[in-house]
């Protein structure tokens, strides 16, 4: 998987949000607000380029007090939502 071009993480009034930039992105009528761990994962996929759910789960385990199985389950749910709204492919 990889991040679709045209989406960036910004800090807006102390809240982490993903914003669409440029003319060739999907219709994105609102900001996508992220919690701390989701923002961390967005930053990870920005750095990684191509990534897997397993890689992101490992990153969560390294940076948060979470077990591998729970991290992988949570990452898969998040990635499914991000695919559904069209910010990763």
N, C-alpha and C. Protein backbone atom coordinates (compact mmCIF):
# COMPACT_ATOMS: atom_id res chain seq x y z
N UNK A 1 0.84 -1.18 0.00
CA UNK A 1 0.00 0.00 0.00
C UNK A 1 0.88 1.24 0.00
N UNK A 2 0.25 2.36 -0.35
CA UNK A 2 0.98 3.61 -0.28
C UNK A 2 -0.01 4.76 -0.12
N UNK A 3 0.51 5.87 0.31
CA UNK A 3 -0.26 7.09 0.50
C UNK A 3 -0.56 7.69 -0.86
N UNK A 4 -1.81 8.15 -1.08
CA UNK A 4 -2.13 8.84 -2.32
C UNK A 4 -1.50 10.21 -2.29
N UNK A 5 -1.05 10.68 -3.43
CA UNK A 5 -0.46 12.01 -3.53
C UNK A 5 -1.54 13.07 -3.32
N UNK A 6 -1.11 14.18 -2.76
CA UNK A 6 -2.03 15.30 -2.60
C UNK A 6 -2.62 15.45 -1.22
N UNK A 7 -2.25 14.58 -0.29
CA UNK A 7 -2.77 14.67 1.07
C UNK A 7 -1.63 14.90 2.04
N UNK A 8 -1.79 15.86 2.93
CA UNK A 8 -0.74 16.17 3.89
C UNK A 8 -1.32 16.30 5.29
N UNK A 9 -0.50 15.99 6.27
CA UNK A 9 -0.86 16.13 7.67
C UNK A 9 -0.49 17.54 8.12
N UNK A 10 -1.43 18.22 8.72
CA UNK A 10 -1.21 19.58 9.22
C UNK A 10 -1.67 19.67 10.67
N UNK A 11 -1.13 20.64 11.37
CA UNK A 11 -1.59 20.96 12.72
C UNK A 11 -2.47 22.20 12.60
N UNK A 12 -3.76 22.04 12.87
CA UNK A 12 -4.71 23.14 12.77
C UNK A 12 -5.32 23.37 14.15
N UNK A 13 -4.95 24.47 14.75
CA UNK A 13 -5.46 24.84 16.08
C UNK A 13 -5.21 23.71 17.09
N UNK A 14 -4.03 23.11 17.01
CA UNK A 14 -3.65 22.06 17.95
C UNK A 14 -4.21 20.69 17.64
N UNK A 15 -4.88 20.55 16.51
CA UNK A 15 -5.45 19.26 16.11
C UNK A 15 -4.76 18.79 14.84
N UNK A 16 -4.42 17.52 14.77
CA UNK A 16 -3.80 16.93 13.58
C UNK A 16 -4.89 16.59 12.57
N UNK A 17 -4.76 17.11 11.36
CA UNK A 17 -5.75 16.85 10.31
C UNK A 17 -5.05 16.54 9.00
N UNK A 18 -5.69 15.71 8.19
CA UNK A 18 -5.21 15.44 6.83
C UNK A 18 -6.00 16.35 5.92
N UNK A 19 -5.27 17.06 5.06
CA UNK A 19 -5.88 17.99 4.13
C UNK A 19 -5.53 17.60 2.70
N UNK A 20 -6.47 17.81 1.80
CA UNK A 20 -6.23 17.59 0.37
C UNK A 20 -5.62 18.84 -0.22
N UNK A 21 -4.63 18.65 -1.07
CA UNK A 21 -3.97 19.77 -1.74
C UNK A 21 -3.87 19.46 -3.22
N UNK A 22 -4.01 20.46 -4.05
CA UNK A 22 -3.85 20.28 -5.49
C UNK A 22 -5.16 19.95 -6.18
N UNK A 23 -5.16 20.08 -7.49
CA UNK A 23 -6.37 19.90 -8.28
C UNK A 23 -6.67 18.45 -8.61
N UNK A 24 -5.69 17.56 -8.50
CA UNK A 24 -5.91 16.19 -8.97
C UNK A 24 -6.25 15.21 -7.84
N UNK A 25 -6.67 15.72 -6.69
CA UNK A 25 -7.07 14.83 -5.59
C UNK A 25 -8.56 14.60 -5.64
N UNK A 26 -9.01 13.59 -4.90
CA UNK A 26 -10.44 13.29 -4.87
C UNK A 26 -11.20 14.44 -4.22
N UNK A 27 -12.52 14.46 -4.41
CA UNK A 27 -13.36 15.46 -3.77
C UNK A 27 -13.31 15.23 -2.26
N UNK A 28 -12.78 16.16 -1.54
CA UNK A 28 -12.53 16.01 -0.10
C UNK A 28 -13.09 17.25 0.57
N UNK A 29 -14.37 17.22 0.89
CA UNK A 29 -15.07 18.41 1.35
C UNK A 29 -14.84 18.77 2.80
N UNK A 30 -14.17 17.93 3.55
CA UNK A 30 -13.92 18.28 4.94
C UNK A 30 -12.55 17.78 5.37
N UNK A 31 -12.10 18.25 6.50
CA UNK A 31 -10.82 17.81 7.04
C UNK A 31 -11.00 16.47 7.73
N UNK A 32 -9.97 15.67 7.73
CA UNK A 32 -9.98 14.39 8.43
C UNK A 32 -9.14 14.55 9.68
N UNK A 33 -9.79 14.57 10.83
CA UNK A 33 -9.10 14.76 12.10
C UNK A 33 -8.55 13.42 12.60
N UNK A 34 -7.31 13.43 13.08
CA UNK A 34 -6.65 12.21 13.54
C UNK A 34 -6.29 12.31 15.02
N UNK A 35 -6.39 11.19 15.72
CA UNK A 35 -5.88 11.16 17.08
C UNK A 35 -4.35 10.99 17.01
N UNK A 36 -3.71 10.98 18.16
CA UNK A 36 -2.25 10.96 18.21
C UNK A 36 -1.65 9.75 17.50
N UNK A 37 -2.19 8.57 17.75
CA UNK A 37 -1.61 7.37 17.15
C UNK A 37 -1.87 7.30 15.64
N UNK A 38 -3.04 7.74 15.19
CA UNK A 38 -3.32 7.77 13.75
C UNK A 38 -2.41 8.77 13.05
N UNK A 39 -2.19 9.92 13.67
CA UNK A 39 -1.27 10.91 13.09
C UNK A 39 0.15 10.34 13.02
N UNK A 40 0.55 9.60 14.06
CA UNK A 40 1.86 8.94 14.06
C UNK A 40 1.96 7.97 12.88
N UNK A 41 0.91 7.18 12.65
CA UNK A 41 0.93 6.23 11.54
C UNK A 41 0.95 6.93 10.19
N UNK A 42 0.25 8.05 10.07
CA UNK A 42 0.29 8.81 8.81
C UNK A 42 1.72 9.29 8.54
N UNK A 43 2.37 9.76 9.58
CA UNK A 43 3.76 10.19 9.42
C UNK A 43 4.65 9.01 9.03
N UNK A 44 4.38 7.83 9.59
CA UNK A 44 5.15 6.64 9.23
C UNK A 44 4.98 6.28 7.77
N UNK A 45 3.75 6.31 7.26
CA UNK A 45 3.56 5.93 5.86
C UNK A 45 4.13 6.99 4.92
N UNK A 46 4.17 8.24 5.37
CA UNK A 46 4.81 9.29 4.58
C UNK A 46 6.30 8.98 4.42
N UNK A 47 6.92 8.52 5.50
CA UNK A 47 8.35 8.19 5.47
C UNK A 47 8.63 6.89 4.71
N UNK A 48 7.75 5.90 4.88
CA UNK A 48 8.00 4.58 4.30
C UNK A 48 7.75 4.52 2.80
N UNK A 49 6.79 5.27 2.31
CA UNK A 49 6.39 5.11 0.91
C UNK A 49 5.47 3.91 0.83
N UNK A 50 5.94 2.80 0.24
CA UNK A 50 5.16 1.56 0.26
C UNK A 50 5.24 0.96 1.66
N UNK A 51 4.12 0.42 2.13
CA UNK A 51 4.08 -0.11 3.49
C UNK A 51 3.09 -1.27 3.59
N UNK A 52 3.21 -2.01 4.66
CA UNK A 52 2.26 -3.08 4.97
C UNK A 52 1.64 -2.82 6.34
N UNK A 53 0.53 -3.47 6.59
CA UNK A 53 -0.12 -3.36 7.89
C UNK A 53 0.81 -3.87 8.99
N UNK A 54 1.57 -4.91 8.68
CA UNK A 54 2.49 -5.48 9.66
C UNK A 54 3.58 -4.49 10.04
N UNK A 55 4.10 -3.75 9.06
CA UNK A 55 5.12 -2.74 9.36
C UNK A 55 4.56 -1.66 10.28
N UNK A 56 3.35 -1.21 10.00
CA UNK A 56 2.75 -0.17 10.83
C UNK A 56 2.43 -0.68 12.23
N UNK A 57 2.00 -1.92 12.34
CA UNK A 57 1.74 -2.50 13.65
C UNK A 57 3.03 -2.55 14.46
N UNK A 58 4.12 -2.90 13.82
CA UNK A 58 5.42 -2.93 14.50
C UNK A 58 5.80 -1.54 15.00
N UNK A 59 5.55 -0.51 14.18
CA UNK A 59 5.83 0.87 14.58
C UNK A 59 5.01 1.25 15.81
N UNK A 60 3.74 0.83 15.83
CA UNK A 60 2.90 1.11 17.01
C UNK A 60 3.47 0.45 18.25
N UNK A 61 3.89 -0.80 18.11
CA UNK A 61 4.46 -1.53 19.25
C UNK A 61 5.73 -0.87 19.77
N UNK A 62 6.53 -0.34 18.88
CA UNK A 62 7.78 0.30 19.26
C UNK A 62 7.56 1.63 19.97
N UNK A 63 6.45 2.31 19.66
CA UNK A 63 6.24 3.66 20.17
C UNK A 63 5.12 3.79 21.19
N UNK A 64 4.28 2.79 21.31
CA UNK A 64 3.17 2.81 22.26
C UNK A 64 3.15 1.48 23.01
N UNK A 65 2.56 1.48 24.16
CA UNK A 65 2.47 0.26 24.97
C UNK A 65 1.28 -0.57 24.50
N UNK A 66 1.48 -1.31 23.41
CA UNK A 66 0.42 -2.12 22.82
C UNK A 66 1.02 -3.44 22.34
N UNK A 67 0.25 -4.51 22.44
CA UNK A 67 0.71 -5.82 21.99
C UNK A 67 0.54 -5.96 20.48
N UNK A 68 1.37 -6.79 19.88
CA UNK A 68 1.41 -6.96 18.42
C UNK A 68 0.04 -7.31 17.84
N UNK A 69 -0.67 -8.25 18.44
CA UNK A 69 -1.97 -8.66 17.90
C UNK A 69 -2.97 -7.53 17.89
N UNK A 70 -3.03 -6.78 18.97
CA UNK A 70 -3.96 -5.65 19.05
C UNK A 70 -3.54 -4.54 18.09
N UNK A 71 -2.24 -4.30 18.01
CA UNK A 71 -1.74 -3.27 17.09
C UNK A 71 -2.11 -3.61 15.65
N UNK A 72 -1.93 -4.86 15.25
CA UNK A 72 -2.24 -5.27 13.88
C UNK A 72 -3.74 -5.15 13.60
N UNK A 73 -4.56 -5.55 14.54
CA UNK A 73 -6.02 -5.44 14.36
C UNK A 73 -6.43 -3.97 14.20
N UNK A 74 -5.88 -3.10 15.04
CA UNK A 74 -6.20 -1.68 14.97
C UNK A 74 -5.72 -1.05 13.66
N UNK A 75 -4.52 -1.41 13.23
CA UNK A 75 -3.97 -0.89 11.98
C UNK A 75 -4.84 -1.31 10.80
N UNK A 76 -5.26 -2.55 10.77
CA UNK A 76 -6.10 -3.03 9.66
C UNK A 76 -7.42 -2.27 9.58
N UNK A 77 -8.01 -1.98 10.72
CA UNK A 77 -9.26 -1.20 10.75
C UNK A 77 -9.01 0.21 10.21
N UNK A 78 -7.93 0.83 10.67
CA UNK A 78 -7.60 2.19 10.23
C UNK A 78 -7.31 2.23 8.73
N UNK A 79 -6.53 1.28 8.25
CA UNK A 79 -6.20 1.25 6.82
C UNK A 79 -7.44 1.03 5.96
N UNK A 80 -8.36 0.20 6.43
CA UNK A 80 -9.60 -0.02 5.69
C UNK A 80 -10.40 1.28 5.57
N UNK A 81 -10.43 2.06 6.65
CA UNK A 81 -11.13 3.35 6.61
C UNK A 81 -10.43 4.31 5.66
N UNK A 82 -9.11 4.35 5.72
CA UNK A 82 -8.35 5.25 4.85
C UNK A 82 -8.51 4.85 3.39
N UNK A 83 -8.58 3.54 3.10
CA UNK A 83 -8.82 3.11 1.72
C UNK A 83 -10.21 3.50 1.27
N UNK A 84 -11.18 3.34 2.15
CA UNK A 84 -12.56 3.66 1.82
C UNK A 84 -12.74 5.14 1.44
N UNK A 85 -12.05 6.02 2.15
CA UNK A 85 -12.18 7.44 1.84
C UNK A 85 -11.20 7.90 0.76
N UNK A 86 -10.30 7.01 0.37
CA UNK A 86 -9.44 7.28 -0.79
C UNK A 86 -8.16 8.04 -0.52
N UNK A 87 -7.59 7.92 0.67
CA UNK A 87 -6.33 8.63 0.94
C UNK A 87 -5.11 7.71 0.89
N UNK A 88 -5.36 6.40 0.77
CA UNK A 88 -4.27 5.44 0.52
C UNK A 88 -4.75 4.49 -0.58
N UNK A 89 -3.78 3.84 -1.20
CA UNK A 89 -4.10 2.88 -2.27
C UNK A 89 -3.21 1.67 -2.18
